[in-house]
Amino acid sequence: MKKQHVIAGAILLVMVLGVGLWLGSVMPGWLRVLPFSRSTFGTSTVLQQVQTLSQLVTVKYVMEKVVVLEDVKWYPGGDSRVLMLAHGIVKAGVDLGRIQPEDVTVSGTRVSIRLPPAQITDLYLDDRQTRIIERTTGLLRTFDKDLEQTARQNAVNDIRRAARNAGILKDADERAKTQLTSLFKQMGFEVVEFVP
């Protein structure tokens, strides 16, 4: 008799566990259907969520550029020259703080958003890896410290141009859209559309 009670208790326990597992797998689907369970987001809520990201930096390029700068004078032995290996860091992204309420449209589980154009957000030379390979000063000249600064500025301008030509802004735009799509899907939107 005691053995039958133990077996009956074990069977009852397995049945309760089975029903619990079944309800655990079915109930989330039921809850999604119920109107009170779905989070509803209006334009202002979506705009607030996006603007909290502020400046979304999505791409970082590391580029090197050799810069040769010569200061040639008309008299013999008066030439000064700098040969620099510039190591630049370029970052690009989208300034989400510029999005206005009219740039966001929410319709049920669909969101449409117009993003501002991607832009270069930061550009600098890494001083640990940027170095002067050669510096010469003409015989009849004094050392020109501005020559190195001018070479650094030329390197920054050349690296900016090279990053743009390599497609950094297009990459930043595409990655921003990917990251925002992921954010909107986590918020419960099923369709995310970017308006040109």
Foldseek 3Di string as FASTA:
>chain_A
DVVVVVVVVVVVVVVVVVVVVVCVVVVVVVLVPDPVNADDDFLVRLLVVQCVCFWDWFDKDKDKDWFKDWDDDPDPQAIKIWIKIWIKIWIKAFGSNPFDSVQWHDDPLEIEGETDFMDTDDMATDVVPIDTPDIDGGPPDDDDPVRVVVRRVVRRVVVVVVCVVVPNRVSRVVRVVVVVVVVSVVSPRDHYHYDD
